[in-house]
N, C-alpha and C. Protein backbone atom coordinates (compact mmCIF):
# COMPACT_ATOMS: atom_id res chain seq x y z
N MET A 1 88.48 72.34 129.29
CA MET A 1 88.77 73.00 127.84
C MET A 1 89.53 72.42 127.21
N SER A 2 89.07 72.20 125.77
CA SER A 2 89.33 71.51 124.97
C SER A 2 91.20 71.79 125.25
N ARG A 3 91.57 70.45 124.46
CA ARG A 3 93.25 70.44 124.19
C ARG A 3 93.79 71.94 123.21
N ARG A 4 93.03 72.41 122.33
CA ARG A 4 93.27 72.99 121.35
C ARG A 4 93.54 74.60 121.85
N HIS A 5 93.41 74.82 123.33
CA HIS A 5 92.95 76.22 123.72
C HIS A 5 94.18 76.38 125.32
N ASN A 6 95.14 77.22 125.10
CA ASN A 6 95.84 77.03 126.40
C ASN A 6 94.89 77.83 128.10
N LEU A 7 95.91 77.68 128.55
CA LEU A 7 94.99 78.17 130.02
C LEU A 7 94.14 80.05 130.04
N LYS A 8 94.59 80.43 129.37
CA LYS A 8 93.53 81.83 129.04
C LYS A 8 92.35 81.42 127.62
N GLY A 9 92.29 80.19 127.15
CA GLY A 9 91.58 80.20 126.04
C GLY A 9 92.06 80.75 124.74
N ARG A 10 93.07 81.08 124.94
CA ARG A 10 93.83 81.54 123.46
C ARG A 10 93.83 80.23 122.92
N ARG A 11 93.65 80.28 120.74
CA ARG A 11 94.27 78.71 120.84
C ARG A 11 95.86 78.88 120.48
N ASN A 12 96.37 77.79 120.38
CA ASN A 12 97.69 77.14 120.29
C ASN A 12 97.69 77.24 119.06
N GLY A 13 99.10 77.51 118.64
CA GLY A 13 99.60 77.73 117.22
C GLY A 13 99.15 78.50 115.94
N GLY A 14 98.54 79.51 116.64
CA GLY A 14 97.98 80.08 115.78
C GLY A 14 99.05 80.89 114.79
N GLY A 15 99.33 81.44 115.47
CA GLY A 15 100.61 82.09 114.41
C GLY A 15 100.28 83.73 114.41
N GLN A 16 101.01 84.49 113.22
CA GLN A 16 100.24 85.45 112.42
C GLN A 16 99.82 84.76 111.08
N PHE A 17 98.93 86.27 110.60
CA PHE A 17 98.37 86.05 109.94
C PHE A 17 98.09 87.27 109.17
N VAL A 18 97.73 87.58 108.01
CA VAL A 18 97.67 88.44 106.78
C VAL A 18 96.40 89.32 107.08
N PRO A 19 95.62 90.50 107.86
CA PRO A 19 94.16 91.24 107.81
C PRO A 19 94.26 91.93 106.53
N ILE A 20 92.73 91.37 106.22
CA ILE A 20 91.98 92.27 104.98
C ILE A 20 90.80 93.58 105.89
N SER A 21 91.25 93.90 105.65
CA SER A 21 89.60 94.49 106.40
C SER A 21 88.45 94.50 105.36
N TYR A 22 87.39 94.36 106.38
CA TYR A 22 86.09 94.45 105.41
C TYR A 22 85.64 95.07 104.92
N PRO A 23 85.77 97.06 104.95
CA PRO A 23 86.60 97.55 104.05
C PRO A 23 86.86 97.96 103.32
N MET A 24 88.43 97.23 102.68
CA MET A 24 89.40 96.89 101.55
C MET A 24 88.62 95.64 101.21
N ALA A 25 88.35 94.72 102.24
CA ALA A 25 87.26 93.49 101.00
C ALA A 25 85.85 94.11 100.05
N LYS A 26 85.25 94.64 100.59
CA LYS A 26 84.74 94.82 99.99
C LYS A 26 84.34 96.41 98.77
N SER A 27 85.37 96.64 98.85
CA SER A 27 85.61 97.70 98.18
C SER A 27 85.98 97.37 96.60
N ASP A 28 85.43 98.40 95.69
CA ASP A 28 85.61 98.07 94.09
C ASP A 28 87.10 97.96 93.72
N ALA A 29 88.11 98.76 94.32
CA ALA A 29 89.47 98.43 94.25
C ALA A 29 90.02 97.33 94.26
N TRP A 30 89.13 96.26 95.20
CA TRP A 30 89.84 95.08 96.06
C TRP A 30 89.17 94.09 94.86
N ARG A 31 88.24 93.67 94.59
CA ARG A 31 87.29 93.65 93.63
C ARG A 31 87.98 93.06 92.33
N SER A 32 88.07 94.23 91.73
CA SER A 32 88.88 94.03 90.59
C SER A 32 90.15 93.66 90.33
N LEU A 33 91.39 93.72 91.48
CA LEU A 33 92.40 92.93 91.03
C LEU A 33 92.32 91.32 90.77
N SER A 34 93.32 91.40 89.98
CA SER A 34 93.37 89.74 89.01
C SER A 34 93.68 88.85 90.34
N GLY A 35 93.77 87.88 89.99
CA GLY A 35 94.50 87.04 91.13
C GLY A 35 96.35 86.69 91.21
N ALA A 36 97.08 87.21 90.67
CA ALA A 36 98.07 87.73 90.67
C ALA A 36 98.36 88.77 92.04
N SER A 37 97.80 89.83 91.36
CA SER A 37 97.65 90.52 92.18
C SER A 37 97.52 90.89 93.49
N VAL A 38 96.69 89.91 93.77
CA VAL A 38 95.91 89.83 95.22
C VAL A 38 97.27 88.75 95.83
N LYS A 39 97.69 87.48 94.83
CA LYS A 39 99.04 87.23 95.37
C LYS A 39 100.17 87.78 96.19
N ILE A 40 100.45 89.08 95.17
CA ILE A 40 101.77 89.60 95.60
C ILE A 40 101.03 90.19 96.77
N PHE A 41 100.18 90.94 97.36
CA PHE A 41 99.66 91.79 98.16
C PHE A 41 99.91 90.83 99.40
N VAL A 42 99.45 89.48 99.11
CA VAL A 42 99.54 89.04 100.50
C VAL A 42 101.01 88.80 100.50
N GLU A 43 101.61 88.67 99.63
CA GLU A 43 103.68 88.47 100.01
C GLU A 43 103.82 88.99 100.54
N LEU A 44 103.54 90.13 100.04
CA LEU A 44 103.89 92.04 100.43
C LEU A 44 103.63 92.14 102.75
N HIS A 45 102.58 91.35 102.76
CA HIS A 45 102.25 91.66 103.29
C HIS A 45 102.35 90.68 104.66
N CYS A 46 102.90 89.12 104.22
CA CYS A 46 104.42 88.73 104.82
C CYS A 46 105.27 89.20 105.74
N ARG A 47 105.53 89.98 104.58
CA ARG A 47 107.14 90.66 105.35
C ARG A 47 106.89 91.86 106.31
N TYR A 48 105.76 92.23 106.36
CA TYR A 48 105.43 93.48 107.20
C TYR A 48 105.61 92.46 108.55
N SER A 49 106.39 93.37 109.41
CA SER A 49 106.54 93.32 110.86
C SER A 49 106.28 94.37 112.14
N GLY A 50 105.86 94.96 110.89
CA GLY A 50 104.89 96.24 112.51
C GLY A 50 105.57 97.37 112.30
N GLY A 51 107.07 97.54 112.02
CA GLY A 51 108.15 98.90 111.58
C GLY A 51 108.41 99.25 110.71
N ASN A 52 108.26 97.95 109.28
CA ASN A 52 108.99 98.76 108.33
C ASN A 52 108.24 98.49 107.27
N ASN A 53 107.29 99.26 107.50
CA ASN A 53 106.25 99.73 105.86
C ASN A 53 107.32 100.44 105.69
N GLY A 54 107.01 100.57 103.46
CA GLY A 54 108.16 101.14 103.21
C GLY A 54 109.60 100.85 103.22
N ASP A 55 109.72 99.92 103.31
CA ASP A 55 111.26 99.01 103.21
C ASP A 55 110.91 97.61 102.95
N LEU A 56 109.25 96.98 102.46
CA LEU A 56 109.24 95.98 102.32
C LEU A 56 110.05 95.53 101.29
N SER A 57 110.87 94.68 100.69
CA SER A 57 111.62 93.74 99.94
C SER A 57 110.72 93.18 99.28
N LEU A 58 110.86 93.15 97.59
CA LEU A 58 109.81 91.80 96.98
C LEU A 58 110.73 92.10 95.07
N SER A 59 111.63 91.91 94.66
CA SER A 59 112.18 91.34 93.37
C SER A 59 111.25 90.50 92.31
N TYR A 60 111.13 91.35 91.26
CA TYR A 60 110.13 90.63 90.14
C TYR A 60 110.14 88.65 90.60
N ALA A 61 111.57 88.74 89.84
CA ALA A 61 112.11 87.44 89.89
C ALA A 61 111.49 86.46 91.02
N GLU A 62 112.46 86.54 92.12
CA GLU A 62 111.97 86.31 93.60
C GLU A 62 110.42 85.97 93.65
N ALA A 63 109.61 87.31 93.42
CA ALA A 63 107.80 87.24 93.49
C ALA A 63 107.41 85.73 92.59
N ALA A 64 108.33 85.99 90.93
CA ALA A 64 107.57 84.85 90.56
C ALA A 64 108.32 83.12 90.55
N ASP A 65 109.09 83.38 91.19
CA ASP A 65 109.57 81.96 91.62
C ASP A 65 108.82 81.35 92.88
N LEU A 66 108.40 82.47 94.35
CA LEU A 66 107.76 82.04 95.43
C LEU A 66 106.49 81.99 94.98
N LEU A 67 105.97 82.42 93.92
CA LEU A 67 103.89 82.46 93.35
C LEU A 67 103.95 81.80 92.14
N SER A 68 104.95 80.75 92.12
CA SER A 68 104.59 80.10 90.04
C SER A 68 104.05 81.41 89.27
N LEU A 69 105.20 82.49 88.58
CA LEU A 69 103.83 83.56 88.15
C LEU A 69 105.07 83.87 87.08
N GLY A 70 105.20 84.53 86.45
CA GLY A 70 105.99 84.56 84.59
C GLY A 70 106.23 85.90 85.42
N LYS A 71 107.04 86.31 85.06
CA LYS A 71 107.96 87.82 85.39
C LYS A 71 107.17 88.45 85.22
N SER A 72 106.81 88.69 83.65
CA SER A 72 105.76 89.95 82.81
C SER A 72 103.88 89.86 83.72
N THR A 73 103.79 88.41 83.97
CA THR A 73 103.02 88.59 85.02
C THR A 73 102.70 89.45 85.99
N VAL A 74 103.96 89.40 87.11
CA VAL A 74 104.58 89.42 88.43
C VAL A 74 104.45 91.19 88.11
N ALA A 75 105.16 91.36 86.83
CA ALA A 75 104.69 93.29 86.54
C ALA A 75 104.16 93.86 86.16
N ARG A 76 102.51 93.29 85.62
CA ARG A 76 101.40 94.02 85.88
C ARG A 76 100.78 93.77 86.69
N ALA A 77 101.07 92.92 87.62
CA ALA A 77 100.24 92.91 88.82
C ALA A 77 100.75 93.65 89.84
N PHE A 78 102.11 94.04 90.17
CA PHE A 78 102.34 95.30 90.38
C PHE A 78 102.18 96.56 89.43
N ASN A 79 102.05 96.95 88.65
CA ASN A 79 101.74 98.11 88.50
C ASN A 79 99.82 98.21 88.79
N GLU A 80 99.23 97.15 88.59
CA GLU A 80 98.11 96.82 88.93
C GLU A 80 98.01 97.36 90.61
N LEU A 81 98.84 97.01 91.13
CA LEU A 81 98.71 97.52 92.43
C LEU A 81 98.83 98.49 93.36
N GLU A 82 100.01 99.13 92.31
CA GLU A 82 100.29 100.67 92.33
C GLU A 82 98.94 101.04 91.86
N GLU A 83 98.64 101.48 90.79
CA GLU A 83 97.21 102.16 90.24
C GLU A 83 96.63 102.28 90.73
N LYS A 84 95.78 101.28 91.48
CA LYS A 84 94.79 100.89 92.51
C LYS A 84 94.76 101.39 94.01
N GLY A 85 96.66 101.92 93.80
CA GLY A 85 96.45 102.35 95.37
C GLY A 85 96.79 101.24 96.89
N PHE A 86 96.76 99.80 96.49
CA PHE A 86 96.94 99.36 97.35
C PHE A 86 98.97 99.02 97.71
N ILE A 87 99.52 99.76 97.27
CA ILE A 87 100.82 99.83 97.14
C ILE A 87 101.50 100.85 96.74
N LYS A 88 102.97 101.87 97.50
CA LYS A 88 103.79 102.38 96.34
C LYS A 88 105.34 102.08 97.02
N LYS A 89 105.82 102.65 95.47
CA LYS A 89 106.92 102.41 95.68
C LYS A 89 107.59 103.16 96.43
N THR A 90 108.27 103.38 97.18
CA THR A 90 109.27 103.63 98.03
C THR A 90 110.68 104.03 96.99
N SER A 91 111.27 102.86 96.50
CA SER A 91 112.98 102.89 96.10
C SER A 91 112.81 102.49 95.08
N GLN A 92 113.18 102.34 94.01
CA GLN A 92 113.80 102.12 92.55
C GLN A 92 114.63 101.29 92.66
N GLY A 93 114.83 99.99 92.23
CA GLY A 93 115.12 98.50 92.20
C GLY A 93 116.82 98.63 91.20
N ARG A 94 117.92 98.65 91.65
CA ARG A 94 118.58 99.06 90.35
C ARG A 94 119.33 97.63 90.11
N TRP A 95 119.60 97.41 88.50
CA TRP A 95 120.38 95.63 88.31
C TRP A 95 121.33 95.73 89.04
N TYR A 96 122.44 96.04 88.66
CA TYR A 96 123.42 96.27 88.95
C TYR A 96 123.54 97.02 90.26
N GLY A 97 124.44 95.64 91.27
CA GLY A 97 124.53 95.61 92.52
C GLY A 97 122.85 94.79 93.42
N ARG A 98 122.05 94.08 92.16
CA ARG A 98 121.07 93.54 92.27
C ARG A 98 120.12 93.53 93.42
N LYS A 99 119.87 94.92 93.63
CA LYS A 99 118.87 95.04 95.10
C LYS A 99 117.61 95.49 93.71
N ALA A 100 116.67 95.43 95.14
CA ALA A 100 115.14 95.05 94.61
C ALA A 100 114.71 96.24 95.17
N SER A 101 113.44 97.00 94.04
CA SER A 101 112.86 97.74 94.11
C SER A 101 111.72 97.69 96.12
N THR A 102 112.06 98.65 96.83
CA THR A 102 111.01 98.15 97.76
C THR A 102 109.71 98.95 97.98
N TRP A 103 109.11 98.58 98.97
CA TRP A 103 107.10 98.89 98.94
C TRP A 103 107.21 99.67 99.49
N LEU A 104 105.88 100.32 100.17
CA LEU A 104 105.13 100.38 101.43
C LEU A 104 103.54 99.92 100.81
N VAL A 105 102.80 99.56 101.68
CA VAL A 105 101.61 99.18 101.88
C VAL A 105 100.88 100.45 102.19
N THR A 106 99.84 100.48 101.77
CA THR A 106 99.19 102.08 101.93
C THR A 106 97.59 101.79 102.44
N ASP A 107 97.54 99.94 103.39
CA ASP A 107 96.92 100.05 104.27
C ASP A 107 97.24 99.82 105.86
N LYS A 108 98.83 100.50 106.27
CA LYS A 108 99.46 100.02 107.11
C LYS A 108 99.93 101.64 107.43
N PRO A 109 100.28 102.08 108.85
CA PRO A 109 101.20 103.95 108.74
C PRO A 109 102.19 103.26 108.19
N ALA A 110 103.01 104.30 107.19
CA ALA A 110 104.51 104.50 107.15
C ALA A 110 105.28 104.60 108.28
N ARG A 111 105.14 105.81 109.10
CA ARG A 111 105.59 105.59 110.53
C ARG A 111 104.63 105.30 111.59
N LYS A 112 105.24 105.47 112.73
CA LYS A 112 104.87 105.60 113.85
C LYS A 112 103.91 106.40 114.75
N GLY A 113 102.55 106.66 114.68
CA GLY A 113 102.11 108.00 114.58
C GLY A 113 101.15 108.32 113.36
N GLU A 114 101.86 108.19 112.35
CA GLU A 114 100.53 108.33 111.49
C GLU A 114 99.62 107.74 110.71
N PRO A 115 98.95 108.50 110.51
CA PRO A 115 97.78 107.33 109.66
C PRO A 115 97.82 106.92 108.37
N ALA A 116 97.49 105.29 108.38
CA ALA A 116 97.70 104.99 106.61
C ALA A 116 96.97 105.10 105.69
N LEU A 117 97.56 105.59 104.29
CA LEU A 117 97.33 106.59 103.39
C LEU A 117 95.97 105.74 102.83
N ASN A 118 95.76 104.98 102.88
CA ASN A 118 94.16 103.91 102.45
C ASN A 118 94.28 104.22 100.39
N SER A 119 95.17 104.52 99.78
CA SER A 119 94.72 105.10 98.14
C SER A 119 93.81 104.47 97.88
N TRP A 120 93.73 103.40 98.18
CA TRP A 120 92.83 101.98 97.50
C TRP A 120 91.12 102.82 97.62
N GLN A 121 91.39 103.74 98.70
CA GLN A 121 89.87 103.85 99.01
C GLN A 121 89.43 104.84 97.60
N ARG A 122 90.41 105.64 96.71
CA ARG A 122 89.89 106.49 95.82
C ARG A 122 90.09 105.86 94.41
N TRP A 123 89.74 104.75 94.59
CA TRP A 123 90.37 103.91 93.26
C TRP A 123 88.44 103.93 92.66
N ARG A 124 88.57 104.53 91.69
CA ARG A 124 87.15 104.26 90.50
C ARG A 124 87.56 103.50 89.80
N TYR A 125 86.09 102.75 89.25
CA TYR A 125 86.23 102.16 87.75
C TYR A 125 86.40 102.70 86.78
N PRO A 126 87.27 102.85 85.74
CA PRO A 126 87.31 103.49 84.56
C PRO A 126 85.61 103.91 83.65
N ASN A 127 85.58 104.64 83.53
CA ASN A 127 84.04 105.17 82.51
C ASN A 127 84.36 104.50 80.84
N ASN A 128 85.43 104.71 80.90
CA ASN A 128 84.98 104.52 79.14
C ASN A 128 86.16 102.97 78.93
N ASN A 129 85.78 102.12 80.29
CA ASN A 129 86.28 100.72 80.00
C ASN A 129 84.87 99.73 79.86
N PRO A 130 84.24 99.34 78.78
CA PRO A 130 83.43 98.41 78.33
C PRO A 130 82.82 97.61 79.07
N ARG A 131 83.73 97.06 80.05
CA ARG A 131 83.78 95.43 81.22
C ARG A 131 82.89 95.70 82.12
N TYR A 132 82.99 97.28 82.41
CA TYR A 132 82.46 97.78 83.92
C TYR A 132 80.63 98.47 83.41
N SER A 133 80.88 98.48 82.30
CA SER A 133 79.66 99.23 81.54
C SER A 133 79.25 100.41 82.20
N GLY A 134 80.83 101.29 82.25
CA GLY A 134 80.12 102.71 82.85
C GLY A 134 80.30 102.92 84.43
N GLY A 135 79.80 102.20 84.73
CA GLY A 135 79.47 101.70 87.11
C GLY A 135 80.83 100.93 87.37
N THR A 136 79.98 100.17 88.37
CA THR A 136 80.33 100.01 89.67
C THR A 136 80.31 98.04 88.33
N MET A 137 80.94 97.35 89.66
CA MET A 137 80.39 96.13 89.70
C MET A 137 78.73 95.59 90.21
N ARG A 138 78.68 96.36 91.45
CA ARG A 138 77.18 96.40 91.92
C ARG A 138 76.32 96.67 91.16
N ARG A 139 76.45 96.97 89.96
CA ARG A 139 75.33 97.91 89.17
C ARG A 139 75.31 97.16 87.94
N VAL A 140 76.41 96.33 87.16
CA VAL A 140 76.33 95.13 86.30
C VAL A 140 75.86 93.77 87.26
N ALA A 141 76.13 93.37 88.50
CA ALA A 141 75.55 92.61 89.18
C ALA A 141 74.24 92.33 89.47
N SER A 142 73.41 94.16 89.61
CA SER A 142 72.12 94.15 90.09
C SER A 142 71.12 93.89 88.24
N ARG A 143 72.06 94.51 87.51
CA ARG A 143 71.33 94.27 86.04
C ARG A 143 71.44 92.48 85.57
N LEU A 144 72.14 91.63 85.91
CA LEU A 144 72.61 90.43 86.28
C LEU A 144 71.05 89.47 87.40
N GLY A 145 70.94 90.38 87.98
CA GLY A 145 69.69 89.45 88.92
C GLY A 145 70.36 89.56 90.39
N THR A 146 69.77 89.22 91.95
CA THR A 146 69.95 89.44 92.97
C THR A 146 71.30 88.72 93.25
N GLY A 147 71.69 87.71 92.65
CA GLY A 147 72.82 86.66 93.25
C GLY A 147 73.85 86.61 92.07
N GLY A 148 73.30 87.66 91.06
CA GLY A 148 74.95 87.52 90.09
C GLY A 148 74.59 86.33 89.01
N GLU A 149 73.53 85.82 88.99
CA GLU A 149 73.02 84.51 88.07
C GLU A 149 72.43 85.40 86.68
N LYS A 150 72.71 85.29 85.89
CA LYS A 150 71.82 85.24 84.54
C LYS A 150 70.57 85.09 84.19
N ASN A 151 69.96 85.89 83.87
CA ASN A 151 68.08 85.45 83.72
C ASN A 151 68.35 85.61 82.38
N PHE A 152 67.44 83.75 82.55
CA PHE A 152 67.57 83.14 81.24
C PHE A 152 65.82 82.96 80.49
């Protein structure tokens, strides 16, 4: 057995990871997220410990400092994640008292025994946005060719 595995055949030092399910990764909602939104989603998931969903605290200032983003970019990213159904605000933060808003990630259950909300599954591209040509990115990619490359 390799030195990287213990006696049970498991890898040593694997640690925790942030799961992104295959259906989520293949969804239109996930593929349309900005890079800043993905960073914030991963940071919120890192704060999830199995029983604290709905009480995930991350302020705009802390996110900006940790992820090297501007505060307005962080605000847009939180709005995008909430609009597309990846997160939900459970309590509004307050400037006085320096209390950050708390969040719930919708791909995990809020309480034990309850199903996850998975609100991101219901998000669809807006029909009036010229970027998406009134359809999904798959339709746009199919017009460009099988691999997404342009045909000249």
